[in-house]
Structure formats: C-alpha cells, structure tokens
Amino acid sequence: QDIQALRSQGSMGGGSTSGGIPTAEAEDLRMQIAVQNDQAAKLEQQLLAERRKKESASQDRSGSESQLIALRAENASLNQQLVQVTDELEANKTKYQGAMMQWQQNKKSLQGQLE
C-alpha cells in the first residue's frame, strides 16, 4: 500500500534508466527502499524508546535496592536496640525483685520488733 501511494505521487513514465533497468521497475525499487528506510527509522525509534524504558526501570530497581539496604540496616539497628532494652528490663526486674524481698524481710523484722 505504501508503495502504491508513493508510486501515485511519482512519475510513472516509460523508458529505462541508463543502467538498463526499466524506469517503472527502478521507481518501484526506489519506493521499496523508501518504505523500508521509513520502517527502519520507526523501528529504531521504538528500540530507543524501549532502551529508555529499560534504563529507567533499571534506575528504579537500583533505587529500590538502595532503599531495601537502608531499611535492612535500620531494622538491624532497631533489633539491637530492642535486645539492649530487653536486657535493661530484665536487670531492672531482678533489682525490683531483690528490693521487694529486702522490703518483705525488713517488714517482718520490724513487725517482730513491735510485737
């Protein structure tokens, strides 16, 4: 169809080229070449667009990977803080239990002295 359209735009006279190819056949070849060149240009544009998409996706992935690494580091830090707080809580619990036992002993001792 593209060849037909190009053919209708050009001259379709008889005769032959200086190389011996009939003019109509030479014109057909020129039209085919023009159509193929146009198709090649379109494909090249599509290829460039796909490369840009791929590059953009790669950059997005790289950014996501960096974010994941940062989140993992933050998670490790928070886990470390949790372990530290848990250890402090256990130490305080032990201190509290010891203080309660001491208070109970002091209370009994004081009650014994008052009786």
Protein backbone atom coordinates (compact mmCIF):
# COMPACT_ATOMS: atom_id res chain seq x y z
CA GLN A 1 0.00 0.00 0.00
CA ASP A 2 2.83 2.39 0.87
CA ILE A 3 4.46 1.59 -2.47
CA GLN A 4 1.20 2.26 -4.28
CA ALA A 5 0.87 5.64 -2.55
CA LEU A 6 4.44 6.62 -3.35
CA ARG A 7 4.00 5.39 -6.90
CA SER A 8 0.94 7.59 -7.40
CA GLN A 9 2.97 10.61 -6.23
CA GLY A 10 5.92 9.98 -8.54
CA SER A 11 6.10 9.94 -12.31
CA MET A 12 5.27 6.69 -13.96
CA GLY A 13 6.68 7.30 -17.40
CA GLY A 14 8.03 4.55 -19.66
CA GLY A 15 11.58 4.07 -20.86
CA SER A 16 14.59 2.80 -18.98
CA THR A 17 17.41 4.08 -16.78
CA SER A 18 20.91 4.43 -18.06
CA GLY A 19 21.75 1.08 -16.42
CA GLY A 20 19.18 -0.77 -18.46
CA ILE A 21 16.55 -1.15 -15.69
CA PRO A 22 13.12 -0.09 -16.91
CA THR A 23 12.08 3.23 -15.35
CA ALA A 24 8.94 1.76 -13.74
CA GLU A 25 10.97 -1.03 -12.16
CA ALA A 26 13.60 1.43 -10.93
CA GLU A 27 10.84 3.59 -9.49
CA ASP A 28 9.38 0.54 -7.73
CA LEU A 29 12.77 -0.23 -6.24
CA ARG A 30 13.17 3.37 -5.07
CA MET A 31 9.73 3.20 -3.49
CA GLN A 32 10.51 -0.08 -1.74
CA ILE A 33 13.78 1.37 -0.44
CA ALA A 34 11.98 4.49 0.80
CA VAL A 35 9.33 2.39 2.56
CA GLN A 36 11.98 0.13 4.10
CA ASN A 37 14.03 3.14 5.21
CA ASP A 38 10.90 4.61 6.82
CA GLN A 39 10.16 1.30 8.57
CA ALA A 40 13.78 1.05 9.73
CA ALA A 41 13.59 4.58 11.18
CA LYS A 42 10.37 3.71 13.04
CA LEU A 43 11.91 0.51 14.41
CA GLU A 44 14.98 2.43 15.50
CA GLN A 45 12.75 4.93 17.36
CA GLN A 46 10.93 2.04 19.04
CA LEU A 47 14.24 0.47 20.01
CA LEU A 48 15.45 3.73 21.53
CA ALA A 49 12.18 4.11 23.45
CA GLU A 50 12.49 0.56 24.80
CA ARG A 51 16.10 1.19 25.81
CA ARG A 52 15.00 4.31 27.69
CA LYS A 53 12.27 2.31 29.44
CA LYS A 54 14.74 -0.39 30.37
CA GLU A 55 17.24 2.17 31.66
CA SER A 56 14.52 3.87 33.71
CA ALA A 57 13.39 0.53 35.14
CA SER A 58 17.00 -0.31 35.98
CA GLN A 59 17.39 3.01 37.79
CA ASP A 60 14.13 2.40 39.66
CA ARG A 61 15.34 -1.05 40.64
CA SER A 62 18.67 0.34 41.77
CA GLY A 63 16.87 2.92 43.90
CA SER A 64 14.64 0.22 45.37
CA GLU A 65 17.67 -1.93 46.18
CA SER A 66 19.34 1.01 47.91
CA GLN A 67 16.18 1.64 49.90
CA LEU A 68 16.00 -2.04 50.85
CA ILE A 69 19.62 -1.97 52.05
CA ALA A 70 18.89 1.13 54.15
CA LEU A 71 15.77 -0.50 55.63
CA ARG A 72 17.70 -3.65 56.49
CA ALA A 73 20.35 -1.58 58.25
CA GLU A 74 17.66 0.31 60.17
CA ASN A 75 15.98 -2.99 61.07
CA ALA A 76 19.27 -4.39 62.39
CA SER A 77 19.80 -1.25 64.47
CA LEU A 78 16.27 -1.44 65.89
CA ASN A 79 16.74 -5.13 66.73
CA GLN A 80 19.96 -4.27 68.53
CA GLN A 81 18.16 -1.54 70.49
CA LEU A 82 15.38 -4.00 71.35
CA VAL A 83 17.88 -6.50 72.72
CA GLN A 84 19.50 -3.75 74.80
CA VAL A 85 16.15 -2.54 76.19
CA THR A 86 15.10 -6.13 76.94
CA ASP A 87 18.37 -6.71 78.82
CA GLU A 88 17.84 -3.49 80.80
CA LEU A 89 14.27 -4.52 81.58
CA GLU A 90 15.43 -7.90 82.87
CA ALA A 91 18.12 -6.24 85.00
CA ASN A 92 15.56 -3.80 86.45
CA LYS A 93 13.14 -6.67 87.11
CA THR A 94 15.84 -8.52 89.02
CA LYS A 95 16.66 -5.37 91.02
CA TYR A 96 12.97 -4.85 91.79
CA GLN A 97 12.51 -8.43 92.95
CA GLY A 98 15.57 -8.12 95.16
CA ALA A 99 14.29 -4.84 96.63
CA MET A 100 10.85 -6.40 97.26
CA MET A 101 12.43 -9.34 99.07
CA GLN A 102 14.52 -6.96 101.16
CA TRP A 103 11.43 -4.89 101.95
CA GLN A 104 9.48 -8.01 102.99
CA GLN A 105 12.35 -9.05 105.28
CA ASN A 106 12.56 -5.55 106.75
CA LYS A 107 8.78 -5.53 107.25
CA LYS A 108 8.86 -8.89 109.06
CA SER A 109 11.78 -7.80 111.15
CA LEU A 110 10.05 -4.58 112.11
CA GLN A 111 6.81 -6.42 112.94
CA GLY A 112 8.79 -8.83 115.10
CA GLN A 113 10.34 -5.95 117.00
CA LEU A 114 6.96 -4.30 117.54
CA GLU A 115 5.34 -7.44 118.99
